[in-house]
């Protein structure tokens, strides 16, 4: 089956008849969940079943379950986590192991609801100037720590049967404005970017899925990365990412134009998938029509990514929680 080149969402806690008809027709590659879609464990499992039945395949279902401000499933259905940057700083030299355990536990929670992907890790390098919407969602202010912790985070997901989506490629940390409302402008020269922000993603380029950022790198192009063929060429050739590349939410105000034009522009620039969120049914239908089916190469990347989903080994949850607690309190575990 050829998948639609979209990741879409639902208005509520179950699909209505019109949504089912649309998703059956366009067969999206996947879906993304928001807090509005979460009411109870049984309801969430039923919604995931709705998605897969409507799409007609074992589609990807993802979510933003980073912890901190960006956590769609909250207590009592899931553990509450502190912001990632705070977690990394508190765990110190144990950051890799503690973040692995954190996301291994998150993976266990997600799988219990029928979710098989998470929009993490964030390989953006933070600084004092990074906009607050992103800053404490990052893992560190230096390249090596960002890469090491991102790798551990990815492994925590994969070992738990969850596909990680690394973001925001090729780097969002230098942005000093919020891409939800305007396109951030980064004036750093290309050579510096290659040695810093882009280098983080180069060292994680073997991961199966990635999400772009809507950042304008003025030394490369005057278009946001999502719509820039020049930036996408850097992602493929310089960074060396060969996996499935999706846009960040294309309804953000950082991108201008009609939903159809944005969708076509992102795919023309080199993205494989259009993520479009928080729209009415008519707009979702327009986006799906504009995006069409995955390209042959995109289909190959999609199938390769989906093949990495696995049934995880049983997790001793109490032991994982005890070890994580010890690491966060500075104890030497074991």
Foldseek 3Di string as FASTA:
>chain_A
DFAFQAEEEADAQAHDPLRLQLLLVLLHLYYEDALRNDDDLVSLLVRLVSNCVSSVHLHAYEYAPLADPGHSDDPPLADHHHQQQVQQVLLDPCLLVLLLLVLLRVLLSCVSSVHAEYADDELAAADPQFAPVCHSNAHYNFLVRSLSNRVSNQNSSLLSLHAYAYDAPQHRRQFNDDQLEAAGEDADAPVVCLVGSNVSLLSVLPRAHYEHDQHHHPNQDRGGLLLALRSLCCVCPVSNRLHAYEYDAQVRNRDDDQLLVSLLSSVVSPHQHYYHYDDDPVSVSSSSVSRHTGDPSNSVRSVVSVVSRDNHDDDPSVVSVVVSVCSSNPHDDD
